[in-house]
Amino acid sequence: IHPEAVAHVLNGAVMAQVMWLADEGTTPDRRA
């Protein structure tokens, strides 16, 4: 798959995850 397209997907995924955890709380279950 086009590397730049994949990079945008991965970048967005990890940023969305970290924002979710920062907003909702980093409980062990959420982090897992």
PDB file of all heavy atoms in Angstrom:
ATOM      1  N   ILE A   1       0.869  -1.177   0.000  1.00  0.00           N
ATOM      2  CA  ILE A   1       0.000   0.000   0.000  1.00  0.00           C
ATOM      3  C   ILE A   1       0.907   1.228   0.000  1.00  0.00           C
ATOM      4  O   ILE A   1       2.013   1.196   0.529  1.00  0.00           O
ATOM      5  CB  ILE A   1      -0.923   0.003   1.236  1.00  0.00           C
ATOM      6  CG1 ILE A   1      -1.717  -1.303   1.309  1.00  0.00           C
ATOM      7  CG2 ILE A   1      -1.874   1.191   1.206  1.00  0.00           C
ATOM      8  CD1 ILE A   1      -2.512  -1.448   2.603  1.00  0.00           C
ATOM      9  N   HIS A   2       0.443   2.314  -0.572  1.00  0.00           N
ATOM     10  CA  HIS A   2       1.242   3.536  -0.670  1.00  0.00           C
ATOM     11  C   HIS A   2       1.763   3.928   0.722  1.00  0.00           C
ATOM     12  O   HIS A   2       0.961   4.129   1.653  1.00  0.00           O
ATOM     13  CB  HIS A   2       0.393   4.670  -1.246  1.00  0.00           C
ATOM     14  CG  HIS A   2       1.184   5.849  -1.705  1.00  0.00           C
ATOM     15  ND1 HIS A   2       1.852   6.680  -0.842  1.00  0.00           N
ATOM     16  CD2 HIS A   2       1.428   6.320  -2.957  1.00  0.00           C
ATOM     17  CE1 HIS A   2       2.462   7.632  -1.524  1.00  0.00           C
ATOM     18  NE2 HIS A   2       2.217   7.431  -2.819  1.00  0.00           N
ATOM     19  N   PRO A   3       3.086   4.047   0.891  1.00  0.00           N
ATOM     20  CA  PRO A   3       3.644   4.310   2.225  1.00  0.00           C
ATOM     21  C   PRO A   3       3.124   5.594   2.882  1.00  0.00           C
ATOM     22  O   PRO A   3       2.894   5.621   4.086  1.00  0.00           O
ATOM     23  CB  PRO A   3       5.151   4.404   1.958  1.00  0.00           C
ATOM     24  CG  PRO A   3       5.365   3.629   0.709  1.00  0.00           C
ATOM     25  CD  PRO A   3       4.138   3.838  -0.115  1.00  0.00           C
ATOM     26  N   GLU A   4       2.937   6.643   2.097  1.00  0.00           N
ATOM     27  CA  GLU A   4       2.462   7.887   2.693  1.00  0.00           C
ATOM     28  C   GLU A   4       1.028   7.752   3.197  1.00  0.00           C
ATOM     29  O   GLU A   4       0.677   8.285   4.258  1.00  0.00           O
ATOM     30  CB  GLU A   4       2.573   9.032   1.686  1.00  0.00           C
ATOM     31  CG  GLU A   4       2.331  10.398   2.316  1.00  0.00           C
ATOM     32  CD  GLU A   4       2.694  11.548   1.396  1.00  0.00           C
ATOM     33  OE1 GLU A   4       3.396  11.317   0.389  1.00  0.00           O
ATOM     34  OE2 GLU A   4       2.273  12.682   1.695  1.00  0.00           O
ATOM     35  N   ALA A   5       0.214   7.015   2.446  1.00  0.00           N
ATOM     36  CA  ALA A   5      -1.167   6.781   2.894  1.00  0.00           C
ATOM     37  C   ALA A   5      -1.169   5.997   4.199  1.00  0.00           C
ATOM     38  O   ALA A   5      -1.935   6.309   5.132  1.00  0.00           O
ATOM     39  CB  ALA A   5      -1.944   6.028   1.816  1.00  0.00           C
ATOM     40  N   VAL A   6      -0.322   4.974   4.277  1.00  0.00           N
ATOM     41  CA  VAL A   6      -0.236   4.175   5.507  1.00  0.00           C
ATOM     42  C   VAL A   6       0.258   5.034   6.669  1.00  0.00           C
ATOM     43  O   VAL A   6      -0.254   4.936   7.793  1.00  0.00           O
ATOM     44  CB  VAL A   6       0.697   2.965   5.303  1.00  0.00           C
ATOM     45  CG1 VAL A   6       0.860   2.195   6.611  1.00  0.00           C
ATOM     46  CG2 VAL A   6       0.151   2.049   4.221  1.00  0.00           C
ATOM     47  N   ALA A   7       1.247   5.889   6.410  1.00  0.00           N
ATOM     48  CA  ALA A   7       1.792   6.749   7.469  1.00  0.00           C
ATOM     49  C   ALA A   7       0.714   7.663   8.039  1.00  0.00           C
ATOM     50  O   ALA A   7       0.645   7.876   9.257  1.00  0.00           O
ATOM     51  CB  ALA A   7       2.962   7.563   6.929  1.00  0.00           C
ATOM     52  N   HIS A   8      -0.131   8.210   7.168  1.00  0.00           N
ATOM     53  CA  HIS A   8      -1.223   9.068   7.654  1.00  0.00           C
ATOM     54  C   HIS A   8      -2.202   8.271   8.517  1.00  0.00           C
ATOM     55  O   HIS A   8      -2.666   8.768   9.557  1.00  0.00           O
ATOM     56  CB  HIS A   8      -1.961   9.698   6.474  1.00  0.00           C
ATOM     57  CG  HIS A   8      -1.270  10.898   5.901  1.00  0.00           C
ATOM     58  ND1 HIS A   8      -1.056  12.054   6.628  1.00  0.00           N
ATOM     59  CD2 HIS A   8      -0.741  11.116   4.671  1.00  0.00           C
ATOM     60  CE1 HIS A   8      -0.442  12.946   5.869  1.00  0.00           C
ATOM     61  NE2 HIS A   8      -0.232  12.400   4.685  1.00  0.00           N
ATOM     62  N   VAL A   9      -2.503   7.047   8.098  1.00  0.00           N
ATOM     63  CA  VAL A   9      -3.419   6.210   8.881  1.00  0.00           C
ATOM     64  C   VAL A   9      -2.839   5.911  10.260  1.00  0.00           C
ATOM     65  O   VAL A   9      -3.511   6.049  11.291  1.00  0.00           O
ATOM     66  CB  VAL A   9      -3.727   4.898   8.133  1.00  0.00           C
ATOM     67  CG1 VAL A   9      -4.451   3.916   9.057  1.00  0.00           C
ATOM     68  CG2 VAL A   9      -4.587   5.175   6.905  1.00  0.00           C
ATOM     69  N   LEU A  10      -1.573   5.502  10.302  1.00  0.00           N
ATOM     70  CA  LEU A  10      -0.944   5.151  11.579  1.00  0.00           C
ATOM     71  C   LEU A  10      -0.780   6.373  12.472  1.00  0.00           C
ATOM     72  O   LEU A  10      -1.009   6.312  13.684  1.00  0.00           O
ATOM     73  CB  LEU A  10       0.415   4.498  11.317  1.00  0.00           C
ATOM     74  CG  LEU A  10       0.382   3.142  10.605  1.00  0.00           C
ATOM     75  CD1 LEU A  10       1.799   2.655  10.337  1.00  0.00           C
ATOM     76  CD2 LEU A  10      -0.390   2.114  11.419  1.00  0.00           C
ATOM     77  N   ASN A  11      -0.371   7.477  11.869  1.00  0.00           N
ATOM     78  CA  ASN A  11      -0.211   8.712  12.636  1.00  0.00           C
ATOM     79  C   ASN A  11      -1.541   9.132  13.257  1.00  0.00           C
ATOM     80  O   ASN A  11      -1.618   9.479  14.442  1.00  0.00           O
ATOM     81  CB  ASN A  11       0.293   9.819  11.700  1.00  0.00           C
ATOM     82  CG  ASN A  11       1.410  10.640  12.307  1.00  0.00           C
ATOM     83  OD1 ASN A  11       1.899  10.344  13.395  1.00  0.00           O
ATOM     84  ND2 ASN A  11       1.815  11.670  11.611  1.00  0.00           N
ATOM     85  N   GLY A  12      -2.578   9.096  12.444  1.00  0.00           N
ATOM     86  CA  GLY A  12      -3.892   9.479  12.953  1.00  0.00           C
ATOM     87  C   GLY A  12      -4.398   8.514  14.013  1.00  0.00           C
ATOM     88  O   GLY A  12      -5.019   8.942  15.003  1.00  0.00           O
ATOM     89  N   ALA A  13      -4.107   7.220  13.836  1.00  0.00           N
ATOM     90  CA  ALA A  13      -4.574   6.230  14.803  1.00  0.00           C
ATOM     91  C   ALA A  13      -3.932   6.436  16.167  1.00  0.00           C
ATOM     92  O   ALA A  13      -4.621   6.452  17.199  1.00  0.00           O
ATOM     93  CB  ALA A  13      -4.263   4.826  14.292  1.00  0.00           C
ATOM     94  N   VAL A  14      -2.610   6.601  16.198  1.00  0.00           N
ATOM     95  CA  VAL A  14      -1.953   6.741  17.498  1.00  0.00           C
ATOM     96  C   VAL A  14      -2.312   8.076  18.146  1.00  0.00           C
ATOM     97  O   VAL A  14      -2.472   8.160  19.372  1.00  0.00           O
ATOM     98  CB  VAL A  14      -0.423   6.567  17.363  1.00  0.00           C
ATOM     99  CG1 VAL A  14       0.238   7.793  16.730  1.00  0.00           C
ATOM    100  CG2 VAL A  14       0.206   6.281  18.726  1.00  0.00           C
ATOM    101  N   MET A  15      -2.494   9.128  17.334  1.00  0.00           N
ATOM    102  CA  MET A  15      -2.864  10.418  17.908  1.00  0.00           C
ATOM    103  C   MET A  15      -4.283  10.372  18.461  1.00  0.00           C
ATOM    104  O   MET A  15      -4.564  10.930  19.530  1.00  0.00           O
ATOM    105  CB  MET A  15      -2.721  11.511  16.855  1.00  0.00           C
ATOM    106  CG  MET A  15      -2.611  12.912  17.441  1.00  0.00           C
ATOM    107  SD  MET A  15      -1.224  13.115  18.599  1.00  0.00           S
ATOM    108  CE  MET A  15       0.170  12.694  17.558  1.00  0.00           C
ATOM    109  N   ALA A  16      -5.177   9.707  17.762  1.00  0.00           N
ATOM    110  CA  ALA A  16      -6.553   9.571  18.257  1.00  0.00           C
ATOM    111  C   ALA A  16      -6.581   8.768  19.550  1.00  0.00           C
ATOM    112  O   ALA A  16      -7.328   9.099  20.490  1.00  0.00           O
ATOM    113  CB  ALA A  16      -7.429   8.908  17.197  1.00  0.00           C
ATOM    114  N   GLN A  17      -5.777   7.725  19.615  1.00  0.00           N
ATOM    115  CA  GLN A  17      -5.731   6.903  20.822  1.00  0.00           C
ATOM    116  C   GLN A  17      -5.217   7.707  22.017  1.00  0.00           C
ATOM    117  O   GLN A  17      -5.768   7.635  23.117  1.00  0.00           O
ATOM    118  CB  GLN A  17      -4.827   5.682  20.598  1.00  0.00           C
ATOM    119  CG  GLN A  17      -5.365   4.676  19.612  1.00  0.00           C
ATOM    120  CD  GLN A  17      -6.470   3.807  20.208  1.00  0.00           C
ATOM    121  OE1 GLN A  17      -7.258   4.258  21.035  1.00  0.00           O
ATOM    122  NE2 GLN A  17      -6.526   2.563  19.791  1.00  0.00           N
ATOM    123  N   VAL A  18      -4.143   8.451  21.801  1.00  0.00           N
ATOM    124  CA  VAL A  18      -3.559   9.185  22.921  1.00  0.00           C
ATOM    125  C   VAL A  18      -4.488  10.318  23.371  1.00  0.00           C
ATOM    126  O   VAL A  18      -4.596  10.617  24.566  1.00  0.00           O
ATOM    127  CB  VAL A  18      -2.142   9.698  22.551  1.00  0.00           C
ATOM    128  CG1 VAL A  18      -2.182  10.951  21.706  1.00  0.00           C
ATOM    129  CG2 VAL A  18      -1.304   9.939  23.792  1.00  0.00           C
ATOM    130  N   MET A  19      -5.203  10.933  22.427  1.00  0.00           N
ATOM    131  CA  MET A  19      -6.169  11.975  22.804  1.00  0.00           C
ATOM    132  C   MET A  19      -7.332  11.356  23.578  1.00  0.00           C
ATOM    133  O   MET A  19      -7.833  11.944  24.547  1.00  0.00           O
ATOM    134  CB  MET A  19      -6.683  12.682  21.546  1.00  0.00           C
ATOM    135  CG  MET A  19      -5.641  13.531  20.833  1.00  0.00           C
ATOM    136  SD  MET A  19      -5.132  14.982  21.774  1.00  0.00           S
ATOM    137  CE  MET A  19      -6.596  15.998  21.645  1.00  0.00           C
ATOM    138  N   TRP A  20      -7.780  10.185  23.164  1.00  0.00           N
ATOM    139  CA  TRP A  20      -8.857   9.479  23.870  1.00  0.00           C
ATOM    140  C   TRP A  20      -8.431   9.170  25.303  1.00  0.00           C
ATOM    141  O   TRP A  20      -9.188   9.412  26.261  1.00  0.00           O
ATOM    142  CB  TRP A  20      -9.189   8.199  23.120  1.00  0.00           C
ATOM    143  CG  TRP A  20     -10.162   7.294  23.825  1.00  0.00           C
ATOM    144  CD1 TRP A  20     -11.432   7.610  24.230  1.00  0.00           C
ATOM    145  CD2 TRP A  20      -9.945   5.923  24.200  1.00  0.00           C
ATOM    146  NE1 TRP A  20     -12.025   6.508  24.826  1.00  0.00           N
ATOM    147  CE2 TRP A  20     -11.141   5.464  24.821  1.00  0.00           C
ATOM    148  CE3 TRP A  20      -8.891   5.039  24.050  1.00  0.00           C
ATOM    149  CZ2 TRP A  20     -11.284   4.172  25.310  1.00  0.00           C
ATOM    150  CZ3 TRP A  20      -9.031   3.742  24.521  1.00  0.00           C
ATOM    151  CH2 TRP A  20     -10.208   3.310  25.146  1.00  0.00           C
ATOM    152  N   LEU A  21      -7.235   8.655  25.464  1.00  0.00           N
ATOM    153  CA  LEU A  21      -6.748   8.318  26.802  1.00  0.00           C
ATOM    154  C   LEU A  21      -6.530   9.567  27.651  1.00  0.00           C
ATOM    155  O   LEU A  21      -6.808   9.566  28.843  1.00  0.00           O
ATOM    156  CB  LEU A  21      -5.453   7.512  26.708  1.00  0.00           C
ATOM    157  CG  LEU A  21      -5.600   6.102  26.131  1.00  0.00           C
ATOM    158  CD1 LEU A  21      -4.229   5.483  25.891  1.00  0.00           C
ATOM    159  CD2 LEU A  21      -6.426   5.215  27.054  1.00  0.00           C
ATOM    160  N   ALA A  22      -6.041  10.628  27.039  1.00  0.00           N
ATOM    161  CA  ALA A  22      -5.810  11.866  27.788  1.00  0.00           C
ATOM    162  C   ALA A  22      -7.125  12.478  28.260  1.00  0.00           C
ATOM    163  O   ALA A  22      -7.218  13.013  29.371  1.00  0.00           O
ATOM    164  CB  ALA A  22      -5.052  12.870  26.922  1.00  0.00           C
ATOM    165  N   ASP A  23      -8.163  12.383  27.421  1.00  0.00           N
ATOM    166  CA  ASP A  23      -9.459  12.974  27.767  1.00  0.00           C
ATOM    167  C   ASP A  23     -10.254  12.116  28.743  1.00  0.00           C
ATOM    168  O   ASP A  23     -10.880  12.628  29.672  1.00  0.00           O
ATOM    169  CB  ASP A  23     -10.297  13.186  26.502  1.00  0.00           C
ATOM    170  CG  ASP A  23      -9.768  14.325  25.646  1.00  0.00           C
ATOM    171  OD1 ASP A  23      -8.995  15.143  26.173  1.00  0.00           O
ATOM    172  OD2 ASP A  23     -10.119  14.375  24.457  1.00  0.00           O
ATOM    173  N   GLU A  24     -10.234  10.816  28.533  1.00  0.00           N
ATOM    174  CA  GLU A  24     -11.104   9.921  29.299  1.00  0.00           C
ATOM    175  C   GLU A  24     -10.423   9.275  30.503  1.00  0.00           C
ATOM    176  O   GLU A  24     -11.087   8.663  31.331  1.00  0.00           O
ATOM    177  CB  GLU A  24     -11.648   8.821  28.368  1.00  0.00           C
ATOM    178  CG  GLU A  24     -12.443   9.343  27.182  1.00  0.00           C
ATOM    179  CD  GLU A  24     -13.696  10.064  27.617  1.00  0.00           C
ATOM    180  OE1 GLU A  24     -14.230   9.735  28.693  1.00  0.00           O
ATOM    181  OE2 GLU A  24     -14.143  10.962  26.884  1.00  0.00           O
ATOM    182  N   GLY A  25      -9.122   9.408  30.600  1.00  0.00           N
ATOM    183  CA  GLY A  25      -8.414   8.802  31.721  1.00  0.00           C
ATOM    184  C   GLY A  25      -7.655   7.565  31.288  1.00  0.00           C
ATOM    185  O   GLY A  25      -8.153   6.760  30.494  1.00  0.00           O
ATOM    186  N   THR A  26      -6.430   7.418  31.815  1.00  0.00           N
ATOM    187  CA  THR A  26      -5.577   6.309  31.391  1.00  0.00           C
ATOM    188  C   THR A  26      -5.655   5.159  32.385  1.00  0.00           C
ATOM    189  O   THR A  26      -4.674   4.807  33.034  1.00  0.00           O
ATOM    190  CB  THR A  26      -4.116   6.780  31.236  1.00  0.00           C
ATOM    191  OG1 THR A  26      -3.698   7.397  32.468  1.00  0.00           O
ATOM    192  CG2 THR A  26      -3.976   7.772  30.120  1.00  0.00           C
ATOM    193  N   THR A  27      -6.832   4.574  32.505  1.00  0.00           N
ATOM    194  CA  THR A  27      -6.974   3.396  33.349  1.00  0.00           C
ATOM    195  C   THR A  27      -6.267   2.222  32.665  1.00  0.00           C
ATOM    196  O   THR A  27      -6.100   2.219  31.432  1.00  0.00           O
ATOM    197  CB  THR A  27      -8.449   3.043  33.555  1.00  0.00           C
ATOM    198  OG1 THR A  27      -9.013   2.678  32.292  1.00  0.00           O
ATOM    199  CG2 THR A  27      -9.209   4.227  34.145  1.00  0.00           C
ATOM    200  N   PRO A  28      -5.849   1.226  33.426  1.00  0.00           N
ATOM    201  CA  PRO A  28      -5.180   0.066  32.806  1.00  0.00           C
ATOM    202  C   PRO A  28      -6.010  -0.579  31.705  1.00  0.00           C
ATOM    203  O   PRO A  28      -5.466  -0.989  30.668  1.00  0.00           O
ATOM    204  CB  PRO A  28      -4.980  -0.877  33.995  1.00  0.00           C
ATOM    205  CG  PRO A  28      -4.890   0.022  35.185  1.00  0.00           C
ATOM    206  CD  PRO A  28      -5.853   1.135  34.902  1.00  0.00           C
ATOM    207  N   ASP A  29      -7.324  -0.680  31.893  1.00  0.00           N
ATOM    208  CA  ASP A  29      -8.173  -1.307  30.882  1.00  0.00           C
ATOM    209  C   ASP A  29      -8.190  -0.486  29.591  1.00  0.00           C
ATOM    210  O   ASP A  29      -8.114  -1.044  28.486  1.00  0.00           O
ATOM    211  CB  ASP A  29      -9.600  -1.463  31.398  1.00  0.00           C
ATOM    212  CG  ASP A  29      -9.723  -2.587  32.422  1.00  0.00           C
ATOM    213  OD1 ASP A  29      -8.763  -3.381  32.540  1.00  0.00           O
ATOM    214  OD2 ASP A  29     -10.766  -2.654  33.095  1.00  0.00           O
ATOM    215  N   ARG A  30      -8.297   0.820  29.726  1.00  0.00           N
ATOM    216  CA  ARG A  30      -8.320   1.676  28.538  1.00  0.00           C
ATOM    217  C   ARG A  30      -6.978   1.624  27.810  1.00  0.00           C
ATOM    218  O   ARG A  30      -6.919   1.566  26.578  1.00  0.00           O
ATOM    219  CB  ARG A  30      -8.640   3.122  28.920  1.00  0.00           C
ATOM    220  CG  ARG A  30     -10.095   3.361  29.259  1.00  0.00           C
ATOM    221  CD  ARG A  30     -10.331   4.837  29.541  1.00  0.00           C
ATOM    222  NE  ARG A  30     -11.704   5.080  29.937  1.00  0.00           N
ATOM    223  CZ  ARG A  30     -12.711   5.266  29.084  1.00  0.00           C
ATOM    224  NH1 ARG A  30     -12.476   5.215  27.793  1.00  0.00           N
ATOM    225  NH2 ARG A  30     -13.927   5.496  29.520  1.00  0.00           N
ATOM    226  N   ARG A  31      -5.892   1.662  28.570  1.00  0.00           N
ATOM    227  CA  ARG A  31      -4.574   1.640  27.932  1.00  0.00           C
ATOM    228  C   ARG A  31      -4.357   0.298  27.221  1.00  0.00           C
ATOM    229  O   ARG A  31      -3.831   0.265  26.105  1.00  0.00           O
ATOM    230  CB  ARG A  31      -3.474   1.899  28.957  1.00  0.00           C
ATOM    231  CG  ARG A  31      -2.124   2.117  28.316  1.00  0.00           C
ATOM    232  CD  ARG A  31      -1.097   2.661  29.292  1.00  0.00           C
ATOM    233  NE  ARG A  31      -1.431   3.990  29.769  1.00  0.00           N
ATOM    234  CZ  ARG A  31      -0.519   4.886  30.152  1.00  0.00           C
ATOM    235  NH1 ARG A  31       0.766   4.582  30.079  1.00  0.00           N
ATOM    236  NH2 ARG A  31      -0.875   6.060  30.598  1.00  0.00           N
ATOM    237  N   ALA A  32      -4.766  -0.790  27.850  1.00  0.00           N
ATOM    238  CA  ALA A  32      -4.646  -2.101  27.215  1.00  0.00           C
ATOM    239  C   ALA A  32      -5.479  -2.156  25.935  1.00  0.00           C
ATOM    240  O   ALA A  32      -5.047  -2.729  24.922  1.00  0.00           O
ATOM    241  CB  ALA A  32      -5.078  -3.191  28.187  1.00  0.00           C
TER     242      ALA A  32
END
